N, C-alpha and C. Protein backbone atom coordinates (compact mmCIF):
# COMPACT_ATOMS: atom_id res chain seq x y z
N MET A 1 0.84 -1.19 0.00
CA MET A 1 0.00 0.00 0.00
C MET A 1 0.88 1.24 0.00
N SER A 2 0.44 2.23 -0.75
CA SER A 2 1.16 3.50 -0.76
C SER A 2 0.18 4.65 -0.59
N PHE A 3 0.65 5.67 0.15
CA PHE A 3 -0.18 6.81 0.50
C PHE A 3 0.49 8.12 0.13
N CYS A 4 -0.32 9.14 -0.07
CA CYS A 4 0.10 10.53 -0.07
C CYS A 4 -0.98 11.30 0.69
N THR A 5 -0.77 12.59 0.88
CA THR A 5 -1.66 13.39 1.73
C THR A 5 -2.13 14.64 1.00
N ALA A 6 -3.42 14.92 1.09
CA ALA A 6 -3.97 16.16 0.55
C ALA A 6 -4.50 17.00 1.71
N ILE A 7 -4.00 18.23 1.82
CA ILE A 7 -4.59 19.21 2.73
C ILE A 7 -5.45 20.07 1.83
N ASN A 8 -6.73 19.81 1.90
CA ASN A 8 -7.65 20.30 0.89
C ASN A 8 -8.86 20.97 1.56
N CYS A 9 -9.56 21.75 0.79
CA CYS A 9 -10.81 22.32 1.26
C CYS A 9 -11.85 21.21 1.44
N MET A 10 -12.82 21.46 2.28
CA MET A 10 -13.90 20.49 2.47
C MET A 10 -14.85 20.43 1.28
N ASP A 11 -14.76 21.40 0.37
CA ASP A 11 -15.63 21.51 -0.80
C ASP A 11 -15.59 20.22 -1.62
N GLY A 12 -16.73 19.57 -1.76
CA GLY A 12 -16.81 18.30 -2.47
C GLY A 12 -16.43 18.37 -3.94
N ARG A 13 -16.49 19.56 -4.54
CA ARG A 13 -16.16 19.69 -5.95
C ARG A 13 -14.68 19.44 -6.23
N VAL A 14 -13.83 19.65 -5.24
CA VAL A 14 -12.40 19.52 -5.48
C VAL A 14 -11.83 18.17 -5.06
N GLN A 15 -12.60 17.37 -4.36
CA GLN A 15 -12.06 16.12 -3.81
C GLN A 15 -11.56 15.15 -4.88
N LEU A 16 -12.42 14.73 -5.79
CA LEU A 16 -12.02 13.73 -6.78
C LEU A 16 -10.93 14.23 -7.73
N PRO A 17 -11.04 15.47 -8.25
CA PRO A 17 -9.94 15.92 -9.12
C PRO A 17 -8.58 15.89 -8.41
N VAL A 18 -8.54 16.30 -7.15
CA VAL A 18 -7.29 16.31 -6.40
C VAL A 18 -6.82 14.88 -6.14
N ILE A 19 -7.70 14.01 -5.74
CA ILE A 19 -7.33 12.61 -5.49
C ILE A 19 -6.72 11.99 -6.74
N HIS A 20 -7.39 12.14 -7.88
CA HIS A 20 -6.89 11.54 -9.12
C HIS A 20 -5.53 12.13 -9.51
N PHE A 21 -5.39 13.44 -9.36
CA PHE A 21 -4.12 14.09 -9.67
C PHE A 21 -3.00 13.53 -8.79
N LEU A 22 -3.26 13.44 -7.49
CA LEU A 22 -2.21 13.01 -6.56
C LEU A 22 -1.86 11.54 -6.71
N GLN A 23 -2.83 10.71 -7.04
CA GLN A 23 -2.52 9.30 -7.27
C GLN A 23 -1.49 9.16 -8.40
N LYS A 24 -1.67 9.95 -9.44
CA LYS A 24 -0.72 9.93 -10.55
C LYS A 24 0.59 10.61 -10.16
N ARG A 25 0.51 11.78 -9.55
CA ARG A 25 1.70 12.58 -9.23
C ARG A 25 2.66 11.84 -8.31
N PHE A 26 2.12 11.18 -7.29
CA PHE A 26 2.96 10.49 -6.32
C PHE A 26 2.98 8.97 -6.52
N GLY A 27 2.24 8.47 -7.49
CA GLY A 27 2.18 7.02 -7.69
C GLY A 27 1.62 6.31 -6.47
N ALA A 28 0.63 6.93 -5.85
CA ALA A 28 0.06 6.40 -4.61
C ALA A 28 -1.29 5.74 -4.86
N GLU A 29 -1.54 4.68 -4.14
CA GLU A 29 -2.85 4.03 -4.20
C GLU A 29 -3.92 4.85 -3.48
N TYR A 30 -3.53 5.39 -2.33
CA TYR A 30 -4.50 6.05 -1.45
C TYR A 30 -4.07 7.48 -1.15
N VAL A 31 -5.08 8.35 -1.00
CA VAL A 31 -4.84 9.74 -0.65
C VAL A 31 -5.52 10.02 0.68
N ASP A 32 -4.72 10.26 1.71
CA ASP A 32 -5.28 10.66 3.00
C ASP A 32 -5.78 12.09 2.88
N ALA A 33 -7.02 12.33 3.26
CA ALA A 33 -7.64 13.64 3.11
C ALA A 33 -7.72 14.36 4.46
N VAL A 34 -7.07 15.51 4.51
CA VAL A 34 -7.15 16.40 5.67
C VAL A 34 -7.91 17.62 5.16
N THR A 35 -9.15 17.77 5.59
CA THR A 35 -9.99 18.83 5.03
C THR A 35 -10.43 19.86 6.07
N GLU A 36 -10.45 21.08 5.61
CA GLU A 36 -10.94 22.24 6.36
C GLU A 36 -11.46 23.24 5.33
N PRO A 37 -12.37 24.13 5.69
CA PRO A 37 -12.73 25.19 4.76
C PRO A 37 -11.57 26.20 4.66
N GLY A 38 -11.00 26.33 3.48
CA GLY A 38 -9.90 27.28 3.26
C GLY A 38 -8.63 26.97 4.03
N PRO A 39 -8.08 25.75 3.92
CA PRO A 39 -6.90 25.43 4.73
C PRO A 39 -5.64 26.22 4.36
N ASN A 40 -5.53 26.67 3.11
CA ASN A 40 -4.37 27.48 2.74
C ASN A 40 -4.37 28.80 3.51
N ARG A 41 -5.56 29.40 3.68
CA ARG A 41 -5.68 30.63 4.48
C ARG A 41 -5.34 30.34 5.94
N ILE A 42 -5.88 29.27 6.47
CA ILE A 42 -5.67 28.93 7.88
C ILE A 42 -4.19 28.76 8.19
N LEU A 43 -3.48 27.99 7.36
CA LEU A 43 -2.07 27.73 7.63
C LEU A 43 -1.19 28.93 7.34
N SER A 44 -1.61 29.79 6.42
CA SER A 44 -0.77 30.96 6.12
C SER A 44 -0.97 32.07 7.14
N GLU A 45 -2.19 32.27 7.63
CA GLU A 45 -2.45 33.36 8.58
C GLU A 45 -2.00 33.03 9.99
N GLN A 46 -1.95 31.75 10.35
CA GLN A 46 -1.49 31.31 11.67
C GLN A 46 -2.32 31.89 12.82
N ALA A 47 -3.60 32.13 12.60
CA ALA A 47 -4.44 32.72 13.64
C ALA A 47 -5.25 31.69 14.42
N GLU A 48 -5.62 30.61 13.78
CA GLU A 48 -6.49 29.60 14.40
C GLU A 48 -5.64 28.46 14.94
N LYS A 49 -5.05 28.67 16.12
CA LYS A 49 -4.06 27.73 16.67
C LYS A 49 -4.60 26.32 16.85
N ASN A 50 -5.83 26.16 17.35
CA ASN A 50 -6.38 24.82 17.54
C ASN A 50 -6.57 24.09 16.22
N THR A 51 -7.03 24.81 15.22
CA THR A 51 -7.23 24.20 13.91
C THR A 51 -5.88 23.81 13.29
N ILE A 52 -4.89 24.67 13.45
CA ILE A 52 -3.55 24.37 12.92
C ILE A 52 -2.99 23.11 13.59
N GLU A 53 -3.11 23.03 14.89
CA GLU A 53 -2.63 21.84 15.60
C GLU A 53 -3.35 20.58 15.13
N SER A 54 -4.64 20.70 14.88
CA SER A 54 -5.42 19.56 14.39
C SER A 54 -4.94 19.13 13.01
N ILE A 55 -4.71 20.10 12.13
CA ILE A 55 -4.21 19.77 10.79
C ILE A 55 -2.85 19.08 10.89
N LEU A 56 -1.94 19.65 11.68
CA LEU A 56 -0.61 19.06 11.82
C LEU A 56 -0.67 17.66 12.41
N HIS A 57 -1.56 17.44 13.36
CA HIS A 57 -1.73 16.11 13.95
C HIS A 57 -2.17 15.10 12.90
N ARG A 58 -3.16 15.48 12.10
CA ARG A 58 -3.69 14.57 11.08
C ARG A 58 -2.67 14.30 9.98
N VAL A 59 -1.95 15.33 9.57
CA VAL A 59 -0.89 15.13 8.57
C VAL A 59 0.20 14.24 9.16
N GLY A 60 0.53 14.43 10.42
CA GLY A 60 1.53 13.60 11.08
C GLY A 60 1.17 12.13 11.08
N ILE A 61 -0.09 11.82 11.29
CA ILE A 61 -0.53 10.42 11.22
C ILE A 61 -0.31 9.87 9.82
N SER A 62 -0.67 10.65 8.81
CA SER A 62 -0.49 10.22 7.43
C SER A 62 0.99 9.98 7.11
N VAL A 63 1.83 10.90 7.53
CA VAL A 63 3.26 10.80 7.24
C VAL A 63 3.92 9.68 8.05
N HIS A 64 3.67 9.66 9.37
CA HIS A 64 4.40 8.74 10.24
C HIS A 64 3.79 7.35 10.34
N LYS A 65 2.49 7.23 10.21
CA LYS A 65 1.84 5.91 10.31
C LYS A 65 1.57 5.28 8.96
N HIS A 66 1.23 6.10 7.96
CA HIS A 66 0.95 5.57 6.62
C HIS A 66 2.14 5.68 5.68
N GLY A 67 3.19 6.36 6.10
CA GLY A 67 4.36 6.52 5.25
C GLY A 67 4.08 7.35 4.00
N SER A 68 3.29 8.40 4.15
CA SER A 68 2.92 9.25 3.02
C SER A 68 4.14 9.64 2.18
N LYS A 69 4.02 9.46 0.86
CA LYS A 69 5.10 9.79 -0.08
C LYS A 69 5.21 11.29 -0.33
N GLY A 70 4.13 12.02 -0.11
CA GLY A 70 4.12 13.44 -0.39
C GLY A 70 2.88 14.10 0.17
N ILE A 71 2.98 15.42 0.31
CA ILE A 71 1.88 16.23 0.84
C ILE A 71 1.54 17.30 -0.18
N ALA A 72 0.25 17.51 -0.42
CA ALA A 72 -0.19 18.59 -1.31
C ALA A 72 -1.01 19.59 -0.51
N MET A 73 -0.67 20.85 -0.66
CA MET A 73 -1.44 21.96 -0.10
C MET A 73 -2.27 22.51 -1.25
N VAL A 74 -3.60 22.55 -1.09
CA VAL A 74 -4.50 22.86 -2.19
C VAL A 74 -5.27 24.15 -1.95
N GLY A 75 -5.34 24.97 -2.99
CA GLY A 75 -6.22 26.12 -3.04
C GLY A 75 -7.15 25.94 -4.23
N HIS A 76 -8.32 26.60 -4.21
CA HIS A 76 -9.22 26.40 -5.34
C HIS A 76 -10.13 27.60 -5.61
N TYR A 77 -10.58 27.64 -6.83
CA TYR A 77 -11.53 28.63 -7.32
C TYR A 77 -12.84 28.54 -6.54
N ASP A 78 -13.47 29.68 -6.29
CA ASP A 78 -14.80 29.76 -5.68
C ASP A 78 -14.86 29.11 -4.30
N CYS A 79 -13.85 29.34 -3.50
CA CYS A 79 -13.79 28.74 -2.17
C CYS A 79 -14.62 29.57 -1.18
N ALA A 80 -15.60 28.93 -0.56
CA ALA A 80 -16.44 29.62 0.42
C ALA A 80 -15.68 29.91 1.71
N GLY A 81 -14.74 29.04 2.07
CA GLY A 81 -13.96 29.23 3.30
C GLY A 81 -12.81 30.20 3.14
N ASN A 82 -12.45 30.48 1.89
CA ASN A 82 -11.38 31.43 1.59
C ASN A 82 -11.75 32.13 0.29
N PRO A 83 -12.57 33.18 0.37
CA PRO A 83 -13.07 33.83 -0.84
C PRO A 83 -12.05 34.73 -1.55
N ALA A 84 -10.80 34.66 -1.17
CA ALA A 84 -9.75 35.47 -1.83
C ALA A 84 -9.59 35.04 -3.28
N GLY A 85 -9.09 35.93 -4.10
CA GLY A 85 -8.83 35.64 -5.51
C GLY A 85 -7.63 34.72 -5.68
N LYS A 86 -7.39 34.32 -6.92
CA LYS A 86 -6.34 33.36 -7.23
C LYS A 86 -4.96 33.85 -6.78
N ASP A 87 -4.62 35.09 -7.08
CA ASP A 87 -3.29 35.59 -6.72
C ASP A 87 -3.05 35.55 -5.21
N GLU A 88 -4.04 36.00 -4.46
CA GLU A 88 -3.90 35.97 -3.00
C GLU A 88 -3.84 34.53 -2.49
N GLN A 89 -4.68 33.67 -3.04
CA GLN A 89 -4.64 32.26 -2.61
C GLN A 89 -3.31 31.61 -2.97
N ASP A 90 -2.77 31.95 -4.14
CA ASP A 90 -1.46 31.39 -4.51
C ASP A 90 -0.41 31.78 -3.47
N SER A 91 -0.42 33.03 -3.07
CA SER A 91 0.51 33.50 -2.05
C SER A 91 0.30 32.76 -0.72
N GLN A 92 -0.96 32.61 -0.32
CA GLN A 92 -1.27 31.89 0.91
C GLN A 92 -0.82 30.44 0.82
N THR A 93 -1.03 29.81 -0.33
CA THR A 93 -0.66 28.41 -0.50
C THR A 93 0.85 28.25 -0.38
N ARG A 94 1.60 29.16 -0.98
CA ARG A 94 3.07 29.10 -0.89
C ARG A 94 3.53 29.30 0.56
N THR A 95 2.90 30.22 1.28
CA THR A 95 3.23 30.43 2.69
C THR A 95 2.90 29.19 3.50
N ALA A 96 1.77 28.57 3.21
CA ALA A 96 1.37 27.34 3.91
C ALA A 96 2.36 26.21 3.64
N VAL A 97 2.84 26.09 2.40
CA VAL A 97 3.83 25.06 2.06
C VAL A 97 5.11 25.30 2.87
N ALA A 98 5.56 26.53 2.96
CA ALA A 98 6.77 26.85 3.73
C ALA A 98 6.57 26.45 5.20
N PHE A 99 5.39 26.74 5.75
CA PHE A 99 5.09 26.36 7.13
C PHE A 99 5.12 24.84 7.30
N LEU A 100 4.52 24.12 6.36
CA LEU A 100 4.50 22.66 6.44
C LEU A 100 5.90 22.07 6.35
N LYS A 101 6.77 22.69 5.57
CA LYS A 101 8.14 22.20 5.44
C LYS A 101 8.90 22.30 6.77
N GLU A 102 8.50 23.24 7.63
CA GLU A 102 9.11 23.33 8.95
C GLU A 102 8.78 22.10 9.80
N HIS A 103 7.64 21.48 9.53
CA HIS A 103 7.18 20.34 10.32
C HIS A 103 7.41 18.99 9.66
N PHE A 104 7.40 18.97 8.33
CA PHE A 104 7.51 17.71 7.59
C PHE A 104 8.54 17.84 6.47
N GLY A 105 9.69 18.40 6.81
CA GLY A 105 10.71 18.72 5.82
C GLY A 105 11.29 17.53 5.08
N ASP A 106 11.16 16.33 5.63
CA ASP A 106 11.68 15.14 4.96
C ASP A 106 10.71 14.58 3.93
N THR A 107 9.54 15.16 3.85
CA THR A 107 8.50 14.70 2.91
C THR A 107 8.32 15.75 1.83
N GLU A 108 8.19 15.31 0.58
CA GLU A 108 7.96 16.25 -0.51
C GLU A 108 6.62 16.95 -0.31
N ILE A 109 6.62 18.26 -0.43
CA ILE A 109 5.40 19.05 -0.25
C ILE A 109 5.21 19.91 -1.49
N ILE A 110 4.03 19.81 -2.09
CA ILE A 110 3.74 20.56 -3.31
C ILE A 110 2.52 21.45 -3.11
N ALA A 111 2.38 22.43 -3.99
CA ALA A 111 1.25 23.36 -3.97
C ALA A 111 0.40 23.11 -5.21
N LEU A 112 -0.92 23.04 -5.01
CA LEU A 112 -1.85 22.81 -6.12
C LEU A 112 -2.89 23.91 -6.19
N TRP A 113 -3.37 24.16 -7.40
CA TRP A 113 -4.48 25.06 -7.65
C TRP A 113 -5.52 24.31 -8.46
N VAL A 114 -6.80 24.43 -8.05
CA VAL A 114 -7.91 23.84 -8.80
C VAL A 114 -8.70 25.00 -9.40
N ASP A 115 -8.78 25.04 -10.74
CA ASP A 115 -9.40 26.19 -11.41
C ASP A 115 -10.91 26.04 -11.56
N GLU A 116 -11.51 27.00 -12.26
CA GLU A 116 -12.97 27.03 -12.41
C GLU A 116 -13.53 25.86 -13.21
N ASP A 117 -12.68 25.14 -13.94
CA ASP A 117 -13.10 23.93 -14.65
C ASP A 117 -12.78 22.68 -13.86
N TRP A 118 -12.35 22.85 -12.62
CA TRP A 118 -11.99 21.78 -11.68
C TRP A 118 -10.79 20.99 -12.18
N LYS A 119 -9.92 21.67 -12.93
CA LYS A 119 -8.66 21.11 -13.40
C LYS A 119 -7.58 21.45 -12.38
N VAL A 120 -6.80 20.45 -12.03
CA VAL A 120 -5.75 20.60 -11.02
C VAL A 120 -4.42 20.88 -11.71
N SER A 121 -3.68 21.86 -11.19
CA SER A 121 -2.33 22.12 -11.70
C SER A 121 -1.39 22.33 -10.53
N GLU A 122 -0.15 21.89 -10.73
CA GLU A 122 0.87 22.07 -9.71
C GLU A 122 1.50 23.44 -9.89
N MET A 123 1.59 24.17 -8.81
CA MET A 123 2.21 25.49 -8.84
C MET A 123 3.71 25.32 -8.85
N SER A 124 4.39 26.14 -9.65
CA SER A 124 5.86 26.02 -9.71
C SER A 124 6.52 26.93 -8.71
């Protein structure tokens, strides 16, 4: 069995596109889903300490117990939990990736954007 991890919005529209993308990207059978409304905003702003600890705990289980091959931080179009535009979300996602690298630096961490057609792309 092989795993990777998605830190994704709870929005059901983005779940399957992200899962399919990550299965290919990391060659993983399973994608552990850590969901919150607007997680890129939450991790970049660092204001919701309890939520951040919860996210880190769940990602830690995926990495340390499931041997996750990689972690994806996801932002998406039309997010109710983070209504910021694409440019602002891209910045938040990059900040969130940097924060995650402080905690899971031995694991590959990537940034993803899901557009208005629900197409997933990796941010460079």
